[in-house]
């Protein structure tokens, strides 16, 4: 992996991590198109570059993180289901991370859901709930487990979970941001641990890729979050649904046509 490729993947991560379009799925697509060999370090990089986006949430919403212990307990309630799911299904997820077809199917299915989500959650925005209870946090945590499948999107799963509990679009989106912090921090720590346990080592070039990638992801993620919340309140999920259907459909068609994704 070159510095340029790391920057491109970091931009993809920063833009897509908090949008309901699947950051992991897009990074798999991006690395496949760029012809990046999926070795153990590349797999680690696609997870570890999330540290920059984690930091962006803490910086952008820093006041919330100093609000009360109640805030952290609700995050814990939403985080525990992902921990349990990760312990039981991590090996299966590792295999799925290598499949572009899985990403295409998940994007397509999620897109269809998003086309109808605003109709299903039909109550007016001002009538929706703006406070996350412990019960709602736990239920959203179970929804988050669906994001273990590449292409589903952690953001999409948790936002839909929040909306299903009557939360407003803004509240559901922001809780999704907050829940990303412990979830992605744990995923990053586990990936680094597994990499080292598997005999992996880090070179100066690796550290350079991590530093550049996370710095780029941090800046891009802050811009993406600010834009996303405002857009979501005004326009809903329709455009994300059409986008997912278009990208997923193209991937599936190319796959069954036998067209290689590697363009260069």
C-alpha atoms as a PDB file:
ATOM      1  CA  UNK A   1       0.000   0.000   0.000  1.00  0.00           C
ATOM      2  CA  UNK A   2       1.326   3.422  -0.958  1.00  0.00           C
ATOM      3  CA  UNK A   3       0.812   6.734   0.841  1.00  0.00           C
ATOM      4  CA  UNK A   4      -1.583   7.866  -1.906  1.00  0.00           C
ATOM      5  CA  UNK A   5      -3.657   4.705  -1.551  1.00  0.00           C
ATOM      6  CA  UNK A   6      -3.751   5.162   2.233  1.00  0.00           C
ATOM      7  CA  UNK A   7      -4.958   8.754   1.800  1.00  0.00           C
ATOM      8  CA  UNK A   8      -7.697   7.668  -0.610  1.00  0.00           C
ATOM      9  CA  UNK A   9      -8.884   4.949   1.777  1.00  0.00           C
ATOM     10  CA  UNK A  10      -8.810   7.452   4.668  1.00  0.00           C
ATOM     11  CA  UNK A  11     -10.941   9.905   2.677  1.00  0.00           C
ATOM     12  CA  UNK A  12     -13.403   7.100   1.937  1.00  0.00           C
ATOM     13  CA  UNK A  13     -13.463   6.190   5.647  1.00  0.00           C
ATOM     14  CA  UNK A  14     -13.921   9.790   6.779  1.00  0.00           C
ATOM     15  CA  UNK A  15     -16.801  10.437   4.381  1.00  0.00           C
ATOM     16  CA  UNK A  16     -18.642   7.155   4.782  1.00  0.00           C
ATOM     17  CA  UNK A  17     -18.156   6.152   8.442  1.00  0.00           C
ATOM     18  CA  UNK A  18     -21.070   8.227   9.707  1.00  0.00           C
ATOM     19  CA  UNK A  19     -23.188   8.076   6.555  1.00  0.00           C
ATOM     20  CA  UNK A  20     -25.553   5.096   6.207  1.00  0.00           C
ATOM     21  CA  UNK A  21     -23.680   3.697   3.219  1.00  0.00           C
ATOM     22  CA  UNK A  22     -21.071   1.370   4.854  1.00  0.00           C
ATOM     23  CA  UNK A  23     -17.531   2.610   5.321  1.00  0.00           C
ATOM     24  CA  UNK A  24     -16.101  -0.926   5.422  1.00  0.00           C
ATOM     25  CA  UNK A  25     -17.919  -1.827   2.228  1.00  0.00           C
ATOM     26  CA  UNK A  26     -16.620   1.257   0.447  1.00  0.00           C
ATOM     27  CA  UNK A  27     -13.057   0.671   1.629  1.00  0.00           C
ATOM     28  CA  UNK A  28     -13.241  -2.905   0.350  1.00  0.00           C
ATOM     29  CA  UNK A  29     -14.489  -1.578  -2.984  1.00  0.00           C
ATOM     30  CA  UNK A  30     -11.835   1.141  -3.018  1.00  0.00           C
ATOM     31  CA  UNK A  31      -8.954  -1.179  -2.178  1.00  0.00           C
ATOM     32  CA  UNK A  32     -10.193  -3.712  -4.752  1.00  0.00           C
ATOM     33  CA  UNK A  33     -10.408  -1.089  -7.503  1.00  0.00           C
ATOM     34  CA  UNK A  34      -6.923   0.178  -6.647  1.00  0.00           C
ATOM     35  CA  UNK A  35      -5.598  -3.372  -6.776  1.00  0.00           C
ATOM     36  CA  UNK A  36      -4.378  -3.352  -3.185  1.00  0.00           C
ATOM     37  CA  UNK A  37      -3.516  -6.870  -2.113  1.00  0.00           C
ATOM     38  CA  UNK A  38      -5.661  -7.896   0.861  1.00  0.00           C
ATOM     39  CA  UNK A  39      -2.870  -8.978   3.207  1.00  0.00           C
ATOM     40  CA  UNK A  40      -3.100  -8.871   6.999  1.00  0.00           C
ATOM     41  CA  UNK A  41      -1.725  -5.345   7.282  1.00  0.00           C
ATOM     42  CA  UNK A  42      -4.232  -3.936   4.779  1.00  0.00           C
ATOM     43  CA  UNK A  43      -7.066  -5.570   6.714  1.00  0.00           C
ATOM     44  CA  UNK A  44      -5.683  -4.011   9.890  1.00  0.00           C
ATOM     45  CA  UNK A  45      -5.351  -0.600   8.242  1.00  0.00           C
ATOM     46  CA  UNK A  46      -9.019  -0.536   7.173  1.00  0.00           C
ATOM     47  CA  UNK A  47      -9.955  -0.962  10.839  1.00  0.00           C
ATOM     48  CA  UNK A  48      -7.208   1.091  12.510  1.00  0.00           C
ATOM     49  CA  UNK A  49      -7.849   4.129  10.284  1.00  0.00           C
ATOM     50  CA  UNK A  50     -11.132   4.426  12.181  1.00  0.00           C
ATOM     51  CA  UNK A  51      -9.191   5.906  15.108  1.00  0.00           C
ATOM     52  CA  UNK A  52      -9.181   9.236  13.270  1.00  0.00           C
ATOM     53  CA  UNK A  53     -12.943   9.176  12.946  1.00  0.00           C
ATOM     54  CA  UNK A  54     -13.319   8.212  16.625  1.00  0.00           C
ATOM     55  CA  UNK A  55     -11.268  11.246  17.591  1.00  0.00           C
ATOM     56  CA  UNK A  56     -13.402  13.466  15.349  1.00  0.00           C
ATOM     57  CA  UNK A  57     -16.537  12.543  17.327  1.00  0.00           C
ATOM     58  CA  UNK A  58     -14.855  13.324  20.649  1.00  0.00           C
ATOM     59  CA  UNK A  59     -13.576  16.675  19.364  1.00  0.00           C
ATOM     60  CA  UNK A  60     -16.816  17.749  17.672  1.00  0.00           C
ATOM     61  CA  UNK A  61     -19.055  16.708  20.597  1.00  0.00           C
ATOM     62  CA  UNK A  62     -16.575  17.121  23.443  1.00  0.00           C
ATOM     63  CA  UNK A  63     -19.123  18.730  25.772  1.00  0.00           C
ATOM     64  CA  UNK A  64     -21.316  15.619  25.646  1.00  0.00           C
ATOM     65  CA  UNK A  65     -18.405  13.482  26.817  1.00  0.00           C
ATOM     66  CA  UNK A  66     -18.103  15.583  29.972  1.00  0.00           C
ATOM     67  CA  UNK A  67     -21.833  15.757  30.619  1.00  0.00           C
ATOM     68  CA  UNK A  68     -22.533  12.940  33.089  1.00  0.00           C
ATOM     69  CA  UNK A  69     -21.833   9.320  33.969  1.00  0.00           C
ATOM     70  CA  UNK A  70     -25.305   8.552  32.615  1.00  0.00           C
ATOM     71  CA  UNK A  71     -23.996   9.288  29.102  1.00  0.00           C
ATOM     72  CA  UNK A  72     -21.320   6.595  29.421  1.00  0.00           C
ATOM     73  CA  UNK A  73     -23.674   4.036  30.945  1.00  0.00           C
ATOM     74  CA  UNK A  74     -26.005   4.383  27.964  1.00  0.00           C
ATOM     75  CA  UNK A  75     -23.071   3.930  25.603  1.00  0.00           C
ATOM     76  CA  UNK A  76     -22.130   0.814  27.581  1.00  0.00           C
ATOM     77  CA  UNK A  77     -25.678  -0.536  27.193  1.00  0.00           C
ATOM     78  CA  UNK A  78     -25.427  -0.047  23.436  1.00  0.00           C
ATOM     79  CA  UNK A  79     -21.887  -1.397  23.231  1.00  0.00           C
ATOM     80  CA  UNK A  80     -22.276  -4.731  25.062  1.00  0.00           C
ATOM     81  CA  UNK A  81     -24.272  -6.527  22.298  1.00  0.00           C
ATOM     82  CA  UNK A  82     -21.496  -5.786  19.778  1.00  0.00           C
ATOM     83  CA  UNK A  83     -18.883  -7.226  22.162  1.00  0.00           C
ATOM     84  CA  UNK A  84     -20.829 -10.461  22.526  1.00  0.00           C
ATOM     85  CA  UNK A  85     -21.443 -10.738  18.778  1.00  0.00           C
ATOM     86  CA  UNK A  86     -17.782 -10.008  18.060  1.00  0.00           C
ATOM     87  CA  UNK A  87     -16.616 -12.820  20.323  1.00  0.00           C
ATOM     88  CA  UNK A  88     -18.784 -15.395  18.558  1.00  0.00           C
ATOM     89  CA  UNK A  89     -18.641 -14.277  14.928  1.00  0.00           C
ATOM     90  CA  UNK A  90     -15.235 -12.618  14.411  1.00  0.00           C
ATOM     91  CA  UNK A  91     -13.850 -15.411  12.204  1.00  0.00           C
ATOM     92  CA  UNK A  92     -16.922 -15.367   9.969  1.00  0.00           C
ATOM     93  CA  UNK A  93     -16.643 -11.599   9.642  1.00  0.00           C
ATOM     94  CA  UNK A  94     -12.983 -11.888   8.610  1.00  0.00           C
ATOM     95  CA  UNK A  95     -14.024 -14.122   5.714  1.00  0.00           C
ATOM     96  CA  UNK A  96     -16.806 -11.749   4.664  1.00  0.00           C
ATOM     97  CA  UNK A  97     -14.346  -8.845   4.571  1.00  0.00           C
ATOM     98  CA  UNK A  98     -12.776 -10.422   1.483  1.00  0.00           C
ATOM     99  CA  UNK A  99     -16.025 -10.603  -0.505  1.00  0.00           C
ATOM    100  CA  UNK A 100     -17.042  -7.699  -2.732  1.00  0.00           C
ATOM    101  CA  UNK A 101     -20.228  -9.594  -3.670  1.00  0.00           C
ATOM    102  CA  UNK A 102     -21.371  -9.628  -0.024  1.00  0.00           C
ATOM    103  CA  UNK A 103     -20.850  -5.863   0.063  1.00  0.00           C
ATOM    104  CA  UNK A 104     -22.931  -5.423  -3.107  1.00  0.00           C
ATOM    105  CA  UNK A 105     -25.848  -7.486  -1.802  1.00  0.00           C
ATOM    106  CA  UNK A 106     -25.836  -5.742   1.581  1.00  0.00           C
ATOM    107  CA  UNK A 107     -25.718  -2.286  -0.053  1.00  0.00           C
ATOM    108  CA  UNK A 108     -28.604  -3.145  -2.356  1.00  0.00           C
ATOM    109  CA  UNK A 109     -30.793  -4.604   0.406  1.00  0.00           C
ATOM    110  CA  UNK A 110     -30.076  -1.690   2.741  1.00  0.00           C
ATOM    111  CA  UNK A 111     -30.847   0.792  -0.023  1.00  0.00           C
ATOM    112  CA  UNK A 112     -34.293  -0.687  -0.577  1.00  0.00           C
ATOM    113  CA  UNK A 113     -34.994  -0.387   3.144  1.00  0.00           C
ATOM    114  CA  UNK A 114     -33.899   3.263   3.165  1.00  0.00           C
ATOM    115  CA  UNK A 115     -36.279   4.139   0.324  1.00  0.00           C
ATOM    116  CA  UNK A 116     -39.155   3.228   2.600  1.00  0.00           C
ATOM    117  CA  UNK A 117     -37.754   4.142   6.017  1.00  0.00           C
ATOM    118  CA  UNK A 118     -39.270   7.628   6.109  1.00  0.00           C
ATOM    119  CA  UNK A 119     -42.701   6.184   5.318  1.00  0.00           C
ATOM    120  CA  UNK A 120     -42.424   3.429   7.898  1.00  0.00           C
ATOM    121  CA  UNK A 121     -41.279   5.858  10.568  1.00  0.00           C
ATOM    122  CA  UNK A 122     -44.169   8.109   9.600  1.00  0.00           C
ATOM    123  CA  UNK A 123     -44.609  10.228  12.728  1.00  0.00           C
ATOM    124  CA  UNK A 124     -43.689  13.904  12.328  1.00  0.00           C
ATOM    125  CA  UNK A 125     -40.128  14.824  13.289  1.00  0.00           C
ATOM    126  CA  UNK A 126     -41.242  17.199  16.054  1.00  0.00           C
ATOM    127  CA  UNK A 127     -43.320  14.402  17.624  1.00  0.00           C
ATOM    128  CA  UNK A 128     -40.330  12.081  17.967  1.00  0.00           C
ATOM    129  CA  UNK A 129     -38.249  11.465  21.098  1.00  0.00           C
ATOM    130  CA  UNK A 130     -35.065  13.431  21.755  1.00  0.00           C
ATOM    131  CA  UNK A 131     -33.756  11.481  24.755  1.00  0.00           C
ATOM    132  CA  UNK A 132     -32.164   8.015  24.626  1.00  0.00           C
ATOM    133  CA  UNK A 133     -33.173   5.740  27.503  1.00  0.00           C
ATOM    134  CA  UNK A 134     -31.151   2.739  28.701  1.00  0.00           C
ATOM    135  CA  UNK A 135     -33.625   0.358  27.088  1.00  0.00           C
ATOM    136  CA  UNK A 136     -33.473   2.163  23.764  1.00  0.00           C
ATOM    137  CA  UNK A 137     -29.671   2.245  23.922  1.00  0.00           C
ATOM    138  CA  UNK A 138     -29.581  -1.523  24.428  1.00  0.00           C
ATOM    139  CA  UNK A 139     -31.950  -2.167  21.526  1.00  0.00           C
ATOM    140  CA  UNK A 140     -29.892   0.092  19.260  1.00  0.00           C
ATOM    141  CA  UNK A 141     -26.861  -1.950  20.328  1.00  0.00           C
ATOM    142  CA  UNK A 142     -28.499  -5.123  19.012  1.00  0.00           C
ATOM    143  CA  UNK A 143     -29.224  -3.374  15.723  1.00  0.00           C
ATOM    144  CA  UNK A 144     -25.549  -2.438  15.554  1.00  0.00           C
ATOM    145  CA  UNK A 145     -24.617  -6.130  15.462  1.00  0.00           C
ATOM    146  CA  UNK A 146     -26.042  -6.332  11.930  1.00  0.00           C
ATOM    147  CA  UNK A 147     -23.186  -4.095  10.809  1.00  0.00           C
ATOM    148  CA  UNK A 148     -20.742  -6.968  11.250  1.00  0.00           C
ATOM    149  CA  UNK A 149     -21.747  -7.911   7.703  1.00  0.00           C
ATOM    150  CA  UNK A 150     -19.702  -5.719   5.311  1.00  0.00           C
ATOM    151  CA  UNK A 151     -21.975  -3.399   3.369  1.00  0.00           C
ATOM    152  CA  UNK A 152     -24.720  -3.196   6.002  1.00  0.00           C
ATOM    153  CA  UNK A 153     -23.248  -0.030   7.590  1.00  0.00           C
ATOM    154  CA  UNK A 154     -22.913   0.473  11.319  1.00  0.00           C
ATOM    155  CA  UNK A 155     -24.350   3.945  10.962  1.00  0.00           C
ATOM    156  CA  UNK A 156     -27.337   2.686   8.984  1.00  0.00           C
ATOM    157  CA  UNK A 157     -28.085  -0.116  11.438  1.00  0.00           C
ATOM    158  CA  UNK A 158     -27.890   2.097  14.532  1.00  0.00           C
ATOM    159  CA  UNK A 159     -29.847   4.981  12.986  1.00  0.00           C
ATOM    160  CA  UNK A 160     -32.627   2.632  11.869  1.00  0.00           C
ATOM    161  CA  UNK A 161     -32.536   1.103  15.341  1.00  0.00           C
ATOM    162  CA  UNK A 162     -32.918   4.561  16.870  1.00  0.00           C
ATOM    163  CA  UNK A 163     -35.773   5.507  14.561  1.00  0.00           C
ATOM    164  CA  UNK A 164     -37.534   2.231  15.364  1.00  0.00           C
ATOM    165  CA  UNK A 165     -37.479   3.360  19.004  1.00  0.00           C
ATOM    166  CA  UNK A 166     -39.145   6.658  18.162  1.00  0.00           C
ATOM    167  CA  UNK A 167     -36.028   8.844  18.238  1.00  0.00           C
ATOM    168  CA  UNK A 168     -35.793  11.922  16.049  1.00  0.00           C
ATOM    169  CA  UNK A 169     -33.469  11.780  13.044  1.00  0.00           C
ATOM    170  CA  UNK A 170     -30.940  14.074  14.727  1.00  0.00           C
ATOM    171  CA  UNK A 171     -30.993  12.190  18.044  1.00  0.00           C
ATOM    172  CA  UNK A 172     -30.688   8.816  16.293  1.00  0.00           C
ATOM    173  CA  UNK A 173     -27.787  10.061  14.154  1.00  0.00           C
ATOM    174  CA  UNK A 174     -25.909  11.634  17.063  1.00  0.00           C
ATOM    175  CA  UNK A 175     -26.300   8.567  19.283  1.00  0.00           C
ATOM    176  CA  UNK A 176     -24.956   6.556  16.348  1.00  0.00           C
ATOM    177  CA  UNK A 177     -21.907   8.851  16.337  1.00  0.00           C
ATOM    178  CA  UNK A 178     -21.377   8.435  20.081  1.00  0.00           C
ATOM    179  CA  UNK A 179     -21.808   4.661  19.991  1.00  0.00           C
ATOM    180  CA  UNK A 180     -19.137   4.509  17.298  1.00  0.00           C
ATOM    181  CA  UNK A 181     -16.482   5.617  19.806  1.00  0.00           C
ATOM    182  CA  UNK A 182     -16.372   2.537  22.097  1.00  0.00           C
ATOM    183  CA  UNK A 183     -17.319   0.175  19.272  1.00  0.00           C
ATOM    184  CA  UNK A 184     -14.596   1.267  16.871  1.00  0.00           C
ATOM    185  CA  UNK A 185     -12.035   1.699  19.641  1.00  0.00           C
ATOM    186  CA  UNK A 186     -12.596  -1.913  20.717  1.00  0.00           C
ATOM    187  CA  UNK A 187     -12.513  -3.155  17.119  1.00  0.00           C
ATOM    188  CA  UNK A 188      -9.244  -1.305  16.502  1.00  0.00           C
ATOM    189  CA  UNK A 189      -7.633  -2.612  19.693  1.00  0.00           C
ATOM    190  CA  UNK A 190      -8.707  -6.191  18.935  1.00  0.00           C
ATOM    191  CA  UNK A 191      -7.460  -5.988  15.335  1.00  0.00           C
ATOM    192  CA  UNK A 192      -4.047  -4.734  16.477  1.00  0.00           C
ATOM    193  CA  UNK A 193      -3.865  -7.459  19.145  1.00  0.00           C
ATOM    194  CA  UNK A 194      -4.811 -10.200  16.654  1.00  0.00           C
ATOM    195  CA  UNK A 195      -2.309  -8.853  14.138  1.00  0.00           C
ATOM    196  CA  UNK A 196       0.537  -8.981  16.644  1.00  0.00           C
ATOM    197  CA  UNK A 197      -0.532 -12.377  18.000  1.00  0.00           C
ATOM    198  CA  UNK A 198      -0.547 -13.682  14.455  1.00  0.00           C
ATOM    199  CA  UNK A 199       3.101 -12.765  14.066  1.00  0.00           C
ATOM    200  CA  UNK A 200       2.588  -9.421  12.391  1.00  0.00           C
ATOM    201  CA  UNK A 201       5.076  -6.613  12.909  1.00  0.00           C
ATOM    202  CA  UNK A 202       5.168  -2.885  12.242  1.00  0.00           C
ATOM    203  CA  UNK A 203       7.706  -1.052  10.138  1.00  0.00           C
ATOM    204  CA  UNK A 204       8.405   2.672   9.931  1.00  0.00           C
ATOM    205  CA  UNK A 205       6.382   2.703   6.704  1.00  0.00           C
ATOM    206  CA  UNK A 206       3.423   1.141   8.485  1.00  0.00           C
ATOM    207  CA  UNK A 207       3.468   3.840  11.167  1.00  0.00           C
ATOM    208  CA  UNK A 208       3.651   6.502   8.466  1.00  0.00           C
ATOM    209  CA  UNK A 209       0.576   5.023   6.750  1.00  0.00           C
ATOM    210  CA  UNK A 210      -1.305   4.944  10.072  1.00  0.00           C
ATOM    211  CA  UNK A 211      -0.381   8.541  10.894  1.00  0.00           C
ATOM    212  CA  UNK A 212      -1.312   9.965   7.500  1.00  0.00           C
ATOM    213  CA  UNK A 213      -4.453   7.862   7.202  1.00  0.00           C
ATOM    214  CA  UNK A 214      -5.825   8.781  10.615  1.00  0.00           C
ATOM    215  CA  UNK A 215      -5.039  12.488  10.189  1.00  0.00           C
ATOM    216  CA  UNK A 216      -6.919  12.581   6.877  1.00  0.00           C
ATOM    217  CA  UNK A 217      -9.835  10.530   8.250  1.00  0.00           C
ATOM    218  CA  UNK A 218     -10.098  12.887  11.253  1.00  0.00           C
ATOM    219  CA  UNK A 219     -10.489  16.052   9.161  1.00  0.00           C
ATOM    220  CA  UNK A 220     -12.819  14.514   6.582  1.00  0.00           C
ATOM    221  CA  UNK A 221     -15.034  12.893   9.248  1.00  0.00           C
ATOM    222  CA  UNK A 222     -15.640  16.201  11.051  1.00  0.00           C
ATOM    223  CA  UNK A 223     -16.800  17.814   7.809  1.00  0.00           C
ATOM    224  CA  UNK A 224     -18.947  14.798   6.933  1.00  0.00           C
ATOM    225  CA  UNK A 225     -20.701  14.683  10.322  1.00  0.00           C
ATOM    226  CA  UNK A 226     -21.602  18.355  10.258  1.00  0.00           C
ATOM    227  CA  UNK A 227     -23.034  18.091   6.762  1.00  0.00           C
ATOM    228  CA  UNK A 228     -24.857  14.808   7.413  1.00  0.00           C
ATOM    229  CA  UNK A 229     -26.931  15.911  10.417  1.00  0.00           C
ATOM    230  CA  UNK A 230     -28.188  19.009   8.635  1.00  0.00           C
ATOM    231  CA  UNK A 231     -28.960  17.109   5.434  1.00  0.00           C
ATOM    232  CA  UNK A 232     -30.750  14.327   7.292  1.00  0.00           C
ATOM    233  CA  UNK A 233     -33.076  16.708   9.118  1.00  0.00           C
ATOM    234  CA  UNK A 234     -34.108  18.400   5.879  1.00  0.00           C
ATOM    235  CA  UNK A 235     -34.167  15.582   3.343  1.00  0.00           C
ATOM    236  CA  UNK A 236     -34.425  12.223   5.103  1.00  0.00           C
ATOM    237  CA  UNK A 237     -32.926   8.963   3.837  1.00  0.00           C
ATOM    238  CA  UNK A 238     -34.143   8.692   0.245  1.00  0.00           C
ATOM    239  CA  UNK A 239     -30.932   9.813  -1.439  1.00  0.00           C
ATOM    240  CA  UNK A 240     -28.882   7.326   0.587  1.00  0.00           C
ATOM    241  CA  UNK A 241     -31.262   4.560  -0.436  1.00  0.00           C
ATOM    242  CA  UNK A 242     -30.872   5.320  -4.151  1.00  0.00           C
ATOM    243  CA  UNK A 243     -27.100   5.606  -3.768  1.00  0.00           C
ATOM    244  CA  UNK A 244     -26.829   2.225  -2.057  1.00  0.00           C
ATOM    245  CA  UNK A 245     -29.026   0.579  -4.690  1.00  0.00           C
ATOM    246  CA  UNK A 246     -26.956   2.066  -7.524  1.00  0.00           C
ATOM    247  CA  UNK A 247     -23.578   1.056  -6.080  1.00  0.00           C
ATOM    248  CA  UNK A 248     -24.748  -2.358  -4.902  1.00  0.00           C
ATOM    249  CA  UNK A 249     -26.446  -3.081  -8.208  1.00  0.00           C
ATOM    250  CA  UNK A 250     -23.339  -2.200 -10.216  1.00  0.00           C
ATOM    251  CA  UNK A 251     -21.157  -4.425  -8.030  1.00  0.00           C
ATOM    252  CA  UNK A 252     -23.512  -7.400  -8.365  1.00  0.00           C
ATOM    253  CA  UNK A 253     -23.850  -7.007 -12.144  1.00  0.00           C
ATOM    254  CA  UNK A 254     -20.085  -6.703 -12.635  1.00  0.00           C
ATOM    255  CA  UNK A 255     -19.508  -9.741 -10.436  1.00  0.00           C
ATOM    256  CA  UNK A 256     -21.849 -12.009 -12.386  1.00  0.00           C
ATOM    257  CA  UNK A 257     -20.547 -10.672 -15.687  1.00  0.00           C
ATOM    258  CA  UNK A 258     -17.110 -11.804 -14.573  1.00  0.00           C
ATOM    259  CA  UNK A 259     -15.684  -8.295 -14.842  1.00  0.00           C
ATOM    260  CA  UNK A 260     -12.642  -7.882 -12.548  1.00  0.00           C
ATOM    261  CA  UNK A 261     -12.897  -4.984 -10.104  1.00  0.00           C
ATOM    262  CA  UNK A 262      -9.180  -4.252 -10.275  1.00  0.00           C
ATOM    263  CA  UNK A 263      -8.878  -1.314 -12.698  1.00  0.00           C
ATOM    264  CA  UNK A 264      -5.226  -0.543 -12.162  1.00  0.00           C
END
